[in-house]
Amino acid sequence: TLVPLSLYLKDGKVKVNLAVVRGKKDYDKRDAMLEKAAKRDIDRQMKEKYR
């Protein structure tokens, strides 16, 4: 996958720095999903507490 790292102007033209990257492996996705779910639960509890 190509990912843009930066955009800039040079001599009236737009330049882009690109990087070639790989997607996450399945075990990496599981860890990220668990962290995301935990953060969502904490945010939900904080919202309810301060209502």
PDB file of N, CA and C in Angstrom:
ATOM      1  N   THR A   1       0.845  -1.169   0.000  1.00  0.00           N
ATOM      2  CA  THR A   1       0.000   0.000   0.000  1.00  0.00           C
ATOM      3  C   THR A   1       0.894   1.237   0.000  1.00  0.00           C
ATOM      4  N   LEU A   2       0.495   2.241  -0.746  1.00  0.00           N
ATOM      5  CA  LEU A   2       1.219   3.516  -0.746  1.00  0.00           C
ATOM      6  C   LEU A   2       0.586   4.459   0.268  1.00  0.00           C
ATOM      7  N   VAL A   3       1.425   5.112   1.074  1.00  0.00           N
ATOM      8  CA  VAL A   3       0.965   6.049   2.087  1.00  0.00           C
ATOM      9  C   VAL A   3       1.699   7.363   1.887  1.00  0.00           C
ATOM     10  N   PRO A   4       0.962   8.497   1.765  1.00  0.00           N
ATOM     11  CA  PRO A   4       1.634   9.793   1.634  1.00  0.00           C
ATOM     12  C   PRO A   4       2.235  10.217   2.974  1.00  0.00           C
ATOM     13  N   LEU A   5       3.515  10.577   2.963  1.00  0.00           N
ATOM     14  CA  LEU A   5       4.186  11.016   4.182  1.00  0.00           C
ATOM     15  C   LEU A   5       4.150  12.532   4.325  1.00  0.00           C
ATOM     16  N   SER A   6       4.321  13.251   3.206  1.00  0.00           N
ATOM     17  CA  SER A   6       4.289  14.707   3.270  1.00  0.00           C
ATOM     18  C   SER A   6       3.936  15.279   1.907  1.00  0.00           C
ATOM     19  N   LEU A   7       3.394  16.487   1.927  1.00  0.00           N
ATOM     20  CA  LEU A   7       3.067  17.254   0.725  1.00  0.00           C
ATOM     21  C   LEU A   7       3.797  18.586   0.813  1.00  0.00           C
ATOM     22  N   TYR A   8       4.361  19.052  -0.305  1.00  0.00           N
ATOM     23  CA  TYR A   8       5.006  20.356  -0.307  1.00  0.00           C
ATOM     24  C   TYR A   8       5.037  20.907  -1.728  1.00  0.00           C
ATOM     25  N   LEU A   9       5.270  22.215  -1.843  1.00  0.00           N
ATOM     26  CA  LEU A   9       5.366  22.889  -3.138  1.00  0.00           C
ATOM     27  C   LEU A   9       6.825  23.122  -3.493  1.00  0.00           C
ATOM     28  N   LYS A  10       7.157  22.912  -4.774  1.00  0.00           N
ATOM     29  CA  LYS A  10       8.499  23.189  -5.256  1.00  0.00           C
ATOM     30  C   LYS A  10       8.381  23.613  -6.711  1.00  0.00           C
ATOM     31  N   ASP A  11       8.839  24.816  -7.013  1.00  0.00           N
ATOM     32  CA  ASP A  11       8.788  25.367  -8.369  1.00  0.00           C
ATOM     33  C   ASP A  11       7.373  25.355  -8.934  1.00  0.00           C
ATOM     34  N   GLY A  12       6.384  25.676  -8.104  1.00  0.00           N
ATOM     35  CA  GLY A  12       5.006  25.744  -8.565  1.00  0.00           C
ATOM     36  C   GLY A  12       4.339  24.392  -8.755  1.00  0.00           C
ATOM     37  N   LYS A  13       4.974  23.326  -8.320  1.00  0.00           N
ATOM     38  CA  LYS A  13       4.398  21.985  -8.434  1.00  0.00           C
ATOM     39  C   LYS A  13       4.230  21.387  -7.043  1.00  0.00           C
ATOM     40  N   VAL A  14       3.237  20.548  -6.917  1.00  0.00           N
ATOM     41  CA  VAL A  14       3.011  19.863  -5.649  1.00  0.00           C
ATOM     42  C   VAL A  14       3.811  18.571  -5.644  1.00  0.00           C
ATOM     43  N   LYS A  15       4.606  18.381  -4.609  1.00  0.00           N
ATOM     44  CA  LYS A  15       5.416  17.169  -4.468  1.00  0.00           C
ATOM     45  C   LYS A  15       4.862  16.341  -3.311  1.00  0.00           C
ATOM     46  N   VAL A  16       4.965  15.030  -3.431  1.00  0.00           N
ATOM     47  CA  VAL A  16       4.470  14.117  -2.403  1.00  0.00           C
ATOM     48  C   VAL A  16       5.552  13.092  -2.093  1.00  0.00           C
ATOM     49  N   ASN A  17       5.866  12.926  -0.821  1.00  0.00           N
ATOM     50  CA  ASN A  17       6.742  11.830  -0.396  1.00  0.00           C
ATOM     51  C   ASN A  17       5.857  10.639  -0.074  1.00  0.00           C
ATOM     52  N   LEU A  18       6.137   9.493  -0.704  1.00  0.00           N
ATOM     53  CA  LEU A  18       5.341   8.293  -0.513  1.00  0.00           C
ATOM     54  C   LEU A  18       6.156   7.209   0.172  1.00  0.00           C
ATOM     55  N   ALA A  19       5.451   6.319   0.864  1.00  0.00           N
ATOM     56  CA  ALA A  19       6.087   5.156   1.481  1.00  0.00           C
ATOM     57  C   ALA A  19       5.295   3.917   1.095  1.00  0.00           C
ATOM     58  N   VAL A  20       6.002   2.820   0.895  1.00  0.00           N
ATOM     59  CA  VAL A  20       5.357   1.536   0.641  1.00  0.00           C
ATOM     60  C   VAL A  20       5.296   0.802   1.976  1.00  0.00           C
ATOM     61  N   VAL A  21       4.081   0.426   2.394  1.00  0.00           N
ATOM     62  CA  VAL A  21       3.896  -0.217   3.693  1.00  0.00           C
ATOM     63  C   VAL A  21       3.088  -1.501   3.538  1.00  0.00           C
ATOM     64  N   ARG A  22       3.131  -2.323   4.565  1.00  0.00           N
ATOM     65  CA  ARG A  22       2.343  -3.551   4.609  1.00  0.00           C
ATOM     66  C   ARG A  22       1.222  -3.387   5.624  1.00  0.00           C
ATOM     67  N   GLY A  23       0.157  -4.143   5.440  1.00  0.00           N
ATOM     68  CA  GLY A  23      -0.939  -4.141   6.397  1.00  0.00           C
ATOM     69  C   GLY A  23      -0.565  -4.909   7.651  1.00  0.00           C
ATOM     70  N   LYS A  24      -1.385  -4.764   8.677  1.00  0.00           N
ATOM     71  CA  LYS A  24      -1.131  -5.470   9.930  1.00  0.00           C
ATOM     72  C   LYS A  24      -1.438  -6.954   9.776  1.00  0.00           C
ATOM     73  N   LYS A  25      -0.756  -7.758  10.537  1.00  0.00           N
ATOM     74  CA  LYS A  25      -1.046  -9.191  10.609  1.00  0.00           C
ATOM     75  C   LYS A  25      -2.279  -9.391  11.493  1.00  0.00           C
ATOM     76  N   ASP A  26      -2.881 -10.558  11.419  1.00  0.00           N
ATOM     77  CA  ASP A  26      -4.095 -10.820  12.189  1.00  0.00           C
ATOM     78  C   ASP A  26      -3.872 -10.671  13.689  1.00  0.00           C
ATOM     79  N   TYR A  27      -2.726 -11.145  14.200  1.00  0.00           N
ATOM     80  CA  TYR A  27      -2.496 -11.046  15.639  1.00  0.00           C
ATOM     81  C   TYR A  27      -2.301  -9.594  16.062  1.00  0.00           C
ATOM     82  N   ASP A  28      -1.761  -8.742  15.200  1.00  0.00           N
ATOM     83  CA  ASP A  28      -1.643  -7.320  15.521  1.00  0.00           C
ATOM     84  C   ASP A  28      -3.021  -6.676  15.576  1.00  0.00           C
ATOM     85  N   LYS A  29      -3.901  -7.064  14.667  1.00  0.00           N
ATOM     86  CA  LYS A  29      -5.247  -6.495  14.636  1.00  0.00           C
ATOM     87  C   LYS A  29      -6.019  -6.845  15.899  1.00  0.00           C
ATOM     88  N   ARG A  30      -5.839  -8.074  16.400  1.00  0.00           N
ATOM     89  CA  ARG A  30      -6.551  -8.474  17.619  1.00  0.00           C
ATOM     90  C   ARG A  30      -6.145  -7.589  18.785  1.00  0.00           C
ATOM     91  N   ASP A  31      -4.850  -7.333  18.925  1.00  0.00           N
ATOM     92  CA  ASP A  31      -4.376  -6.477  20.014  1.00  0.00           C
ATOM     93  C   ASP A  31      -4.944  -5.070  19.879  1.00  0.00           C
ATOM     94  N   ALA A  32      -4.943  -4.537  18.675  1.00  0.00           N
ATOM     95  CA  ALA A  32      -5.458  -3.187  18.444  1.00  0.00           C
ATOM     96  C   ALA A  32      -6.955  -3.128  18.735  1.00  0.00           C
ATOM     97  N   MET A  33      -7.685  -4.176  18.354  1.00  0.00           N
ATOM     98  CA  MET A  33      -9.126  -4.203  18.607  1.00  0.00           C
ATOM     99  C   MET A  33      -9.416  -4.258  20.103  1.00  0.00           C
ATOM    100  N   LEU A  34      -8.639  -5.023  20.859  1.00  0.00           N
ATOM    101  CA  LEU A  34      -8.831  -5.094  22.309  1.00  0.00           C
ATOM    102  C   LEU A  34      -8.554  -3.744  22.963  1.00  0.00           C
ATOM    103  N   GLU A  35      -7.484  -3.079  22.555  1.00  0.00           N
ATOM    104  CA  GLU A  35      -7.157  -1.762  23.110  1.00  0.00           C
ATOM    105  C   GLU A  35      -8.237  -0.745  22.764  1.00  0.00           C
ATOM    106  N   LYS A  36      -8.733  -0.791  21.539  1.00  0.00           N
ATOM    107  CA  LYS A  36      -9.773   0.139  21.103  1.00  0.00           C
ATOM    108  C   LYS A  36     -11.057  -0.078  21.908  1.00  0.00           C
ATOM    109  N   ALA A  37     -11.429  -1.339  22.134  1.00  0.00           N
ATOM    110  CA  ALA A  37     -12.630  -1.655  22.904  1.00  0.00           C
ATOM    111  C   ALA A  37     -12.475  -1.191  24.351  1.00  0.00           C
ATOM    112  N   ALA A  38     -11.306  -1.388  24.939  1.00  0.00           N
ATOM    113  CA  ALA A  38     -11.072  -0.961  26.317  1.00  0.00           C
ATOM    114  C   ALA A  38     -11.162   0.558  26.432  1.00  0.00           C
ATOM    115  N   LYS A  39     -10.577   1.273  25.483  1.00  0.00           N
ATOM    116  CA  LYS A  39     -10.638   2.738  25.508  1.00  0.00           C
ATOM    117  C   LYS A  39     -12.073   3.224  25.354  1.00  0.00           C
ATOM    118  N   ARG A  40     -12.834   2.563  24.481  1.00  0.00           N
ATOM    119  CA  ARG A  40     -14.227   2.942  24.259  1.00  0.00           C
ATOM    120  C   ARG A  40     -15.034   2.740  25.543  1.00  0.00           C
ATOM    121  N   ASP A  41     -14.798   1.628  26.261  1.00  0.00           N
ATOM    122  CA  ASP A  41     -15.504   1.376  27.516  1.00  0.00           C
ATOM    123  C   ASP A  41     -15.158   2.424  28.564  1.00  0.00           C
ATOM    124  N   ILE A  42     -13.883   2.774  28.673  1.00  0.00           N
ATOM    125  CA  ILE A  42     -13.456   3.791  29.637  1.00  0.00           C
ATOM    126  C   ILE A  42     -14.085   5.134  29.303  1.00  0.00           C
ATOM    127  N   ASP A  43     -14.079   5.521  28.030  1.00  0.00           N
ATOM    128  CA  ASP A  43     -14.678   6.792  27.624  1.00  0.00           C
ATOM    129  C   ASP A  43     -16.172   6.810  27.923  1.00  0.00           C
ATOM    130  N   ARG A  44     -16.846   5.685  27.696  1.00  0.00           N
ATOM    131  CA  ARG A  44     -18.280   5.595  27.957  1.00  0.00           C
ATOM    132  C   ARG A  44     -18.555   5.764  29.449  1.00  0.00           C
ATOM    133  N   GLN A  45     -17.753   5.125  30.291  1.00  0.00           N
ATOM    134  CA  GLN A  45     -17.935   5.233  31.737  1.00  0.00           C
ATOM    135  C   GLN A  45     -17.662   6.649  32.226  1.00  0.00           C
ATOM    136  N   MET A  46     -16.648   7.300  31.680  1.00  0.00           N
ATOM    137  CA  MET A  46     -16.344   8.681  32.074  1.00  0.00           C
ATOM    138  C   MET A  46     -17.484   9.611  31.669  1.00  0.00           C
ATOM    139  N   LYS A  47     -18.047   9.388  30.499  1.00  0.00           N
ATOM    140  CA  LYS A  47     -19.146  10.223  30.020  1.00  0.00           C
ATOM    141  C   LYS A  47     -20.355  10.078  30.939  1.00  0.00           C
ATOM    142  N   GLU A  48     -20.679   8.839  31.325  1.00  0.00           N
ATOM    143  CA  GLU A  48     -21.813   8.607  32.214  1.00  0.00           C
ATOM    144  C   GLU A  48     -21.562   9.202  33.595  1.00  0.00           C
ATOM    145  N   LYS A  49     -20.328   9.143  34.063  1.00  0.00           N
ATOM    146  CA  LYS A  49     -20.001   9.644  35.396  1.00  0.00           C
ATOM    147  C   LYS A  49     -20.195  11.156  35.485  1.00  0.00           C
ATOM    148  N   TYR A  50     -19.831  11.878  34.439  1.00  0.00           N
ATOM    149  CA  TYR A  50     -19.868  13.341  34.484  1.00  0.00           C
ATOM    150  C   TYR A  50     -21.123  13.933  33.879  1.00  0.00           C
ATOM    151  N   ARG A  51     -22.146  13.130  33.643  1.00  0.00           N
ATOM    152  CA  ARG A  51     -23.425  13.667  33.151  1.00  0.00           C
ATOM    153  C   ARG A  51     -24.221  14.240  34.269  1.00  0.00           C
TER     154      ARG A  51
END
